[in-house]
Protein backbone atom coordinates (compact mmCIF):
# COMPACT_ATOMS: atom_id res chain seq x y z
CA MET A 1 133.39 84.13 92.99
CA SER A 2 129.98 82.93 94.14
CA THR A 3 126.83 85.03 93.88
CA LEU A 4 126.31 87.29 96.88
CA ILE A 5 123.08 87.24 98.89
CA PRO A 6 121.25 90.57 98.47
CA THR A 7 121.40 92.89 101.48
CA THR A 8 117.69 93.77 101.54
CA ALA A 9 116.57 91.12 104.05
CA TYR A 10 119.46 91.99 106.37
CA LEU A 11 118.52 95.67 106.26
CA ILE A 12 114.85 94.87 106.96
CA ARG A 13 115.82 92.79 110.02
CA ALA A 14 118.15 95.55 111.24
CA ILE A 15 115.60 98.38 110.89
CA HIS A 16 112.93 96.21 112.53
CA GLU A 17 115.25 95.54 115.47
CA TRP A 18 116.21 99.23 115.68
CA CYS A 19 112.52 100.22 115.83
CA VAL A 20 111.75 97.71 118.57
CA ASP A 21 114.84 98.66 120.61
CA ASN A 22 113.80 102.33 120.48
CA GLY A 23 110.14 101.77 121.35
CA LEU A 24 109.02 102.63 117.80
CA THR A 25 106.48 100.77 115.67
CA PRO A 26 108.07 99.03 112.65
CA HIS A 27 105.99 99.13 109.47
CA LEU A 28 106.52 97.37 106.16
CA LEU A 29 105.60 98.95 102.82
CA VAL A 30 104.60 96.20 100.37
CA LYS A 31 104.08 96.45 96.62
CA VAL A 32 101.37 93.82 96.18
CA ASP A 33 101.45 91.35 93.30
CA ALA A 34 100.42 87.73 92.64
CA HIS A 35 103.27 86.44 94.85
CA THR A 36 102.22 88.35 97.99
CA ARG A 37 99.63 87.05 100.43
CA VAL A 38 97.99 89.98 102.21
CA PRO A 39 94.36 90.95 102.91
CA MET A 40 93.34 92.54 99.59
CA ALA A 41 90.61 94.65 101.23
CA TYR A 42 93.38 96.82 102.72
CA VAL A 43 95.41 97.25 99.52
CA LYS A 44 95.34 100.75 97.99
CA ASN A 45 97.01 101.64 94.70
CA GLY A 46 98.75 98.27 94.68
CA GLU A 47 100.35 98.87 98.09
CA ILE A 48 99.74 97.95 101.70
CA VAL A 49 101.48 99.12 104.87
CA LEU A 50 101.75 96.43 107.54
CA ASN A 51 102.46 96.89 111.25
CA MET A 52 105.27 94.48 112.19
CA ASN A 53 105.39 95.24 115.92
CA TYR A 54 105.55 92.12 118.08
CA THR A 55 102.29 93.22 119.76
CA ALA A 56 100.51 93.22 116.37
CA VAL A 57 101.88 90.02 114.80
CA LYS A 58 102.37 86.39 115.69
CA ASP A 59 105.20 84.10 114.55
CA LEU A 60 107.16 86.82 112.72
CA HIS A 61 109.92 85.34 110.56
CA ILE A 62 112.17 87.38 108.27
CA ASP A 63 114.53 85.31 106.15
CA ASN A 64 116.41 86.01 102.93
CA ASP A 65 113.39 85.08 100.80
CA ALA A 66 110.30 86.44 102.56
CA VAL A 67 108.65 88.07 105.56
CA VAL A 68 106.03 85.77 107.08
CA PHE A 69 103.69 86.28 110.04
CA SER A 70 100.08 86.08 111.20
CA ALA A 71 98.05 89.15 112.10
CA ARG A 72 94.43 90.09 112.73
CA PHE A 73 92.53 92.33 110.35
CA SER A 74 89.07 93.35 111.57
CA GLY A 75 89.34 90.55 114.13
CA VAL A 76 90.10 87.83 111.56
CA ALA A 77 93.49 86.09 111.69
CA GLN A 78 95.35 86.20 108.37
CA HIS A 79 98.58 84.53 107.28
CA ILE A 80 100.86 87.13 105.63
CA TYR A 81 103.55 86.21 103.10
CA VAL A 82 105.66 88.91 101.44
CA PRO A 83 108.61 88.05 99.19
CA ILE A 84 111.63 90.23 99.95
CA SER A 85 111.58 91.45 96.33
CA ARG A 86 108.11 93.05 96.93
CA ILE A 87 109.15 95.12 99.95
CA GLY A 88 109.29 98.83 99.20
CA GLY A 89 110.47 99.84 102.64
CA VAL A 90 110.68 99.29 106.38
CA PHE A 91 110.25 102.30 108.65
CA ALA A 92 109.12 103.59 112.04
CA ARG A 93 105.52 104.81 112.07
CA GLU A 94 106.27 107.57 114.56
CA ASN A 95 108.97 109.40 112.61
CA GLY A 96 109.22 107.77 109.15
CA GLN A 97 112.87 106.84 109.63
CA GLY A 98 113.95 103.66 107.92
CA MET A 99 115.00 102.36 104.52
CA PHE A 100 113.11 102.32 101.25
CA PHE A 101 113.82 100.13 98.25
CA GLU A 102 113.08 100.15 94.56
CA VAL A 103 110.66 97.37 93.64
CA VAL A 104 110.95 96.11 90.08
CA ASP A 105 107.57 95.07 88.65
CA GLY A 106 107.31 91.98 86.52
CA GLN A 107 110.12 89.76 87.66
CA ALA A 108 112.34 89.55 90.69
CA PRO A 109 115.42 91.77 90.44
CA GLU A 110 118.86 90.27 90.04
CA PRO A 111 120.77 89.92 93.33
CA GLY A 112 122.39 93.17 94.40
CA THR A 113 120.47 95.41 91.94
CA ARG A 114 117.92 96.86 94.36
CA ALA A 115 118.89 100.37 95.33
CA ALA A 116 117.85 102.11 98.52
CA MET A 117 115.71 105.21 97.99
CA PRO A 118 116.28 108.46 99.89
CA VAL A 119 114.48 108.64 103.23
CA ASP A 120 112.74 111.89 102.22
CA GLU A 121 110.43 109.77 100.01
CA VAL A 122 108.53 108.41 103.01
CA PRO A 123 105.16 106.86 102.10
CA GLU A 124 101.99 108.08 103.73
CA VAL A 125 100.97 105.87 106.64
CA PRO A 126 97.22 105.25 106.95
CA ALA A 127 95.65 106.95 109.96
CA ALA A 128 94.67 104.67 112.81
CA LYS A 129 90.95 103.98 112.99
CA LYS A 130 89.07 104.60 116.20
CA SER A 131 88.11 101.39 117.96
CA HIS A 132 84.48 100.36 117.96
CA LEU A 133 84.91 98.61 121.31
CA LYS A 134 83.50 100.03 124.55
CA VAL A 135 84.67 99.60 128.14
CA VAL A 136 81.99 97.74 130.10
CA LYS A 137 81.99 98.00 133.91
């Protein structure tokens, strides 16, 4: 029997689609390491929460290896690269519903060994900052 492809990427795509279909904002919890490419200024305690809504990202691609997209942080476009093995969860900002995964530090887990965590362990989502922009008439 051949090695099975882990289900994590499929679950991330499904929860993302569910959020979008229900008018919710999909967020990705990332455990940052040397293999992730995210803006380090926004990383806290080795983690970052990324908005994956189509209005916040450009060229979103979720395959079996990584989540890749471009997004603006403080007005500066950044290319984001997150290996699937570094994703701790995908959830709706509005209600915290989604799926959370165990991330193994050090090396990538063997296929099929990542276990989903209970939904009651929802991470804290950073509060939205008030815009510094003004309406000019």
